[in-house]
Amino acid sequence: MSDRLKHPLVKVIYNINQYSCPLNINLHMHTIYSDGSLDPISLLKQASKLGLQHFAITDHHSITAYKLINSWKQENNINFFLPQIWSGIEISCILKNCLVHIIGLGFDIASPAISPYINNEASIGLSLRAENVIKAIKLANGLSILAHPARYRIDYKKLIDEAYLLGINGVEVWYDYSFSSNWKPSELICNSIDNYISRYNLLKTCGTDTHGYSLLRR
């Protein structure tokens, strides 16, 4: 717990509530480098225009967008406000014999521990096990988050219980399970998840899980 609290992103996450996303903090989105529609620079400019303070691109098994944005920022004279971008990734893995997604945030992209998961390929073998994904993210000095826990075939409480035992850092609490035209957290299920994980003192994140052209919706 103490090591986790030292991570600079933790201070940001501690301030997240049901009103944080999509206009202040958004820690779940996709680009053309997995299954999204936005190119990384267009996404960055839209995030800036919306006034986002912090965001993470969580492409499936890819950090290409994150690297491209950082290269673009270094190569260009920036004359408009840019939000803080954190490294991110969404990894498919097996938890309690169920295929789930675990988000990695704020990790060292050069860490050998994370290298099996950033090659634009789904995990196989031992790398597919949730405990190894969580361990890899930790070794890369990142935070592990169980994505949209109420979207799987197993009850979210059982998945959260197991993820906690494996050392996960947090849960994506605020999520739009109805896929509304304008993103908003699904009040009933999100509040239930929020209350449930309080027993574990886990981090609580939010994200639009954007796959289209607008960061204001999924």
Protein backbone atom coordinates (compact mmCIF):
# COMPACT_ATOMS: atom_id res chain seq x y z
CA MET A 1 0.00 0.00 0.00
CA SER A 2 2.74 2.47 0.93
CA ASP A 3 4.54 2.03 -2.41
CA ARG A 4 1.30 2.63 -4.27
CA LEU A 5 0.65 5.85 -2.37
CA LYS A 6 3.95 7.27 -3.63
CA HIS A 7 2.83 7.09 -7.26
CA PRO A 8 2.15 10.64 -8.56
CA LEU A 9 -1.07 9.56 -10.27
CA VAL A 10 -2.58 8.49 -6.95
CA LYS A 11 -3.08 12.12 -5.91
CA VAL A 12 -5.08 12.68 -9.09
CA ILE A 13 -7.17 9.54 -8.63
CA TYR A 14 -8.00 10.41 -5.03
CA ASN A 15 -9.91 13.44 -6.34
CA ILE A 16 -12.02 11.44 -8.79
CA ASN A 17 -15.77 11.24 -8.24
CA GLN A 18 -18.88 10.73 -10.37
CA TYR A 19 -18.51 14.24 -11.78
CA SER A 20 -14.86 14.01 -12.86
CA CYS A 21 -15.44 12.40 -16.24
CA PRO A 22 -15.61 13.36 -19.08
CA LEU A 23 -14.59 17.02 -18.63
CA ASN A 24 -11.84 16.85 -16.02
CA ILE A 25 -10.25 13.40 -15.83
CA ASN A 26 -10.55 10.57 -18.37
CA LEU A 27 -8.41 7.48 -17.85
CA HIS A 28 -9.89 5.13 -20.47
CA MET A 29 -9.96 5.83 -24.22
CA HIS A 30 -8.85 4.33 -27.52
CA THR A 31 -7.25 5.44 -30.78
CA ILE A 32 -6.69 3.99 -34.25
CA TYR A 33 -3.81 2.02 -32.75
CA SER A 34 -6.27 -0.48 -31.29
CA ASP A 35 -10.00 -0.30 -31.94
CA GLY A 36 -10.68 3.44 -31.83
CA SER A 37 -11.47 6.04 -34.51
CA LEU A 38 -9.32 8.99 -33.43
CA ASP A 39 -5.69 9.43 -34.34
CA PRO A 40 -3.55 10.34 -31.31
CA ILE A 41 -2.96 14.00 -32.18
CA SER A 42 -6.65 14.62 -32.89
CA LEU A 43 -7.45 13.02 -29.55
CA LEU A 44 -4.90 15.22 -27.78
CA LYS A 45 -6.29 18.39 -29.36
CA GLN A 46 -9.84 17.41 -28.45
CA ALA A 47 -8.81 16.67 -24.87
CA SER A 48 -7.21 20.10 -24.70
CA LYS A 49 -10.26 21.84 -26.15
CA LEU A 50 -12.52 20.11 -23.62
CA GLY A 51 -10.30 21.33 -20.79
CA LEU A 52 -9.26 17.92 -19.52
CA GLN A 53 -6.68 18.08 -16.76
CA HIS A 54 -5.53 14.47 -16.95
CA PHE A 55 -6.05 11.64 -19.41
CA ALA A 56 -4.65 8.28 -20.46
CA ILE A 57 -4.93 6.48 -23.78
CA THR A 58 -5.56 2.83 -23.01
CA ASP A 59 -5.28 1.12 -26.36
CA HIS A 60 -5.43 -2.67 -26.30
CA HIS A 61 -1.91 -4.07 -25.98
CA SER A 62 -0.34 -0.94 -27.50
CA ILE A 63 1.43 2.22 -26.32
CA THR A 64 2.04 3.59 -29.83
CA ALA A 65 -0.37 6.50 -29.38
CA TYR A 66 1.28 7.55 -26.12
CA LYS A 67 4.72 7.54 -27.74
CA LEU A 68 3.50 9.44 -30.80
CA ILE A 69 1.96 12.19 -28.66
CA ASN A 70 5.15 12.61 -26.64
CA SER A 71 7.22 12.79 -29.84
CA TRP A 72 4.80 15.32 -31.34
CA LYS A 73 5.00 17.51 -28.24
CA GLN A 74 8.79 17.54 -28.44
CA GLU A 75 8.89 18.29 -32.17
CA ASN A 76 6.37 21.14 -32.19
CA ASN A 77 6.05 24.52 -30.57
CA ILE A 78 2.99 24.18 -28.36
CA ASN A 79 0.89 27.35 -28.15
CA PHE A 80 -2.19 25.97 -26.40
CA PHE A 81 -2.91 24.30 -23.10
CA LEU A 82 -2.19 20.59 -23.01
CA PRO A 83 -3.55 18.27 -20.34
CA GLN A 84 -1.31 15.85 -18.48
CA ILE A 85 -1.07 12.55 -20.35
CA TRP A 86 -0.26 9.38 -18.43
CA SER A 87 0.92 6.14 -19.95
CA GLY A 88 -1.92 3.67 -20.29
CA ILE A 89 -2.86 0.30 -21.71
CA GLU A 90 -5.78 -2.14 -21.62
CA ILE A 91 -4.80 -5.79 -21.27
CA SER A 92 -7.05 -8.80 -21.77
CA CYS A 93 -6.51 -11.55 -19.22
CA ILE A 94 -8.19 -14.36 -17.30
CA LEU A 95 -9.60 -13.74 -13.82
CA LYS A 96 -11.61 -16.49 -12.13
CA ASN A 97 -11.80 -18.29 -15.50
CA CYS A 98 -13.41 -15.18 -17.01
CA LEU A 99 -11.93 -12.97 -19.72
CA VAL A 100 -11.58 -9.45 -18.28
CA HIS A 101 -9.69 -6.25 -19.04
CA ILE A 102 -7.11 -4.76 -16.73
CA ILE A 103 -5.93 -1.20 -17.29
CA GLY A 104 -2.35 -0.21 -16.56
CA LEU A 105 -1.73 3.46 -15.74
CA GLY A 106 1.36 5.57 -15.16
CA PHE A 107 3.84 2.78 -15.83
CA ASP A 108 7.38 2.97 -17.20
CA ILE A 109 6.99 2.13 -20.89
CA ALA A 110 10.64 1.02 -21.05
CA SER A 111 10.28 -1.54 -18.27
CA PRO A 112 11.03 -5.13 -19.36
CA ALA A 113 8.14 -6.26 -17.15
CA ILE A 114 5.52 -4.58 -19.34
CA SER A 115 7.12 -5.52 -22.68
CA PRO A 116 5.04 -8.72 -23.24
CA TYR A 117 1.86 -6.65 -23.22
CA ILE A 118 2.69 -3.74 -25.56
CA ASN A 119 3.32 -5.54 -28.83
CA ASN A 120 -0.15 -5.16 -30.35
CA GLU A 121 -0.84 -8.83 -29.66
CA ALA A 122 -3.17 -10.54 -27.21
CA SER A 123 -1.50 -12.33 -24.33
CA ILE A 124 -1.06 -16.10 -24.36
CA GLY A 125 0.01 -18.75 -21.87
CA LEU A 126 1.07 -17.57 -18.43
CA SER A 127 0.99 -13.94 -19.58
CA LEU A 128 -2.78 -14.28 -19.92
CA ARG A 129 -3.28 -14.84 -16.19
CA ALA A 130 -4.53 -11.82 -14.26
CA GLU A 131 -2.03 -12.27 -11.47
CA ASN A 132 0.83 -11.96 -13.95
CA VAL A 133 -0.67 -8.88 -15.58
CA ILE A 134 -1.05 -7.20 -12.20
CA LYS A 135 2.50 -8.17 -11.26
CA ALA A 136 3.91 -6.85 -14.55
CA ILE A 137 2.21 -3.48 -14.12
CA LYS A 138 3.51 -3.24 -10.56
CA LEU A 139 7.07 -4.10 -11.63
CA ALA A 140 6.80 -1.37 -14.27
CA ASN A 141 5.93 1.08 -11.45
CA GLY A 142 2.36 1.49 -12.66
CA LEU A 143 -1.12 1.14 -11.22
CA SER A 144 -3.43 -1.76 -12.13
CA ILE A 145 -7.17 -1.12 -12.52
CA LEU A 146 -9.99 -3.60 -13.14
CA ALA A 147 -11.90 -2.09 -16.07
CA HIS A 148 -15.73 -1.83 -16.15
CA PRO A 149 -16.29 -4.67 -13.63
CA ALA A 150 -20.03 -5.00 -14.32
CA ARG A 151 -19.59 -5.87 -18.01
CA TYR A 152 -18.44 -9.46 -17.56
CA ARG A 153 -20.27 -12.79 -17.30
CA ILE A 154 -19.31 -13.18 -13.63
CA ASP A 155 -20.78 -11.01 -10.87
CA TYR A 156 -18.61 -7.95 -10.32
CA LYS A 157 -18.33 -8.62 -6.59
CA LYS A 158 -16.63 -11.98 -7.18
CA LEU A 159 -14.26 -10.46 -9.71
CA ILE A 160 -13.37 -7.56 -7.42
CA ASP A 161 -12.80 -9.94 -4.51
CA GLU A 162 -10.41 -12.04 -6.58
CA ALA A 163 -8.62 -9.05 -8.10
CA TYR A 164 -8.08 -7.62 -4.63
CA LEU A 165 -6.50 -10.88 -3.46
CA LEU A 166 -4.15 -10.72 -6.44
CA GLY A 167 -3.00 -7.22 -5.51
CA ILE A 168 -4.91 -5.00 -7.92
CA ASN A 169 -4.65 -1.29 -7.14
CA GLY A 170 -8.08 -0.11 -8.14
CA VAL A 171 -11.37 -0.44 -9.98
CA GLU A 172 -12.96 1.62 -12.74
CA VAL A 173 -15.95 2.71 -10.67
CA TRP A 174 -17.47 5.47 -12.82
CA TYR A 175 -18.53 4.04 -16.19
CA ASP A 176 -21.40 4.49 -18.64
CA TYR A 177 -22.85 0.98 -18.92
CA SER A 178 -25.77 2.31 -20.98
CA PHE A 179 -23.47 3.78 -23.66
CA SER A 180 -25.40 7.06 -23.59
CA SER A 181 -25.19 9.60 -26.40
CA ASN A 182 -23.56 11.92 -23.86
CA TRP A 183 -21.39 10.06 -21.38
CA LYS A 184 -22.67 9.76 -17.83
CA PRO A 185 -21.98 7.17 -15.13
CA SER A 186 -24.72 4.58 -14.68
CA GLU A 187 -25.87 5.73 -11.26
CA LEU A 188 -27.30 2.53 -9.76
CA ILE A 189 -24.52 0.10 -10.68
CA CYS A 190 -21.70 2.61 -10.23
CA ASN A 191 -22.86 3.57 -6.75
CA SER A 192 -23.14 -0.11 -5.88
CA ILE A 193 -19.57 -0.77 -7.06
CA ASP A 194 -18.37 2.34 -5.24
CA ASN A 195 -19.89 1.15 -1.98
CA TYR A 196 -18.64 -2.39 -2.41
CA ILE A 197 -14.97 -1.60 -2.97
CA SER A 198 -14.82 0.78 -0.02
CA ARG A 199 -14.15 -2.24 2.18
CA TYR A 200 -10.90 -2.79 0.31
CA ASN A 201 -9.58 0.78 0.15
CA LEU A 202 -9.00 0.43 -3.59
CA LEU A 203 -8.43 3.33 -5.95
CA LYS A 204 -11.51 4.49 -7.88
CA THR A 205 -11.09 5.62 -11.48
CA CYS A 206 -13.30 6.82 -14.33
CA GLY A 207 -13.17 6.80 -18.11
CA THR A 208 -15.35 7.16 -21.19
CA ASP A 209 -13.87 4.10 -22.93
CA THR A 210 -14.13 6.18 -26.09
CA HIS A 211 -13.89 4.24 -29.36
CA GLY A 212 -15.45 6.85 -31.66
CA TYR A 213 -14.69 10.45 -32.58
CA SER A 214 -15.90 12.19 -29.42
CA LEU A 215 -14.39 12.04 -25.94
CA LEU A 216 -17.84 12.89 -24.59
CA ARG A 217 -19.16 9.40 -25.25
CA ARG A 218 -18.06 5.84 -25.74
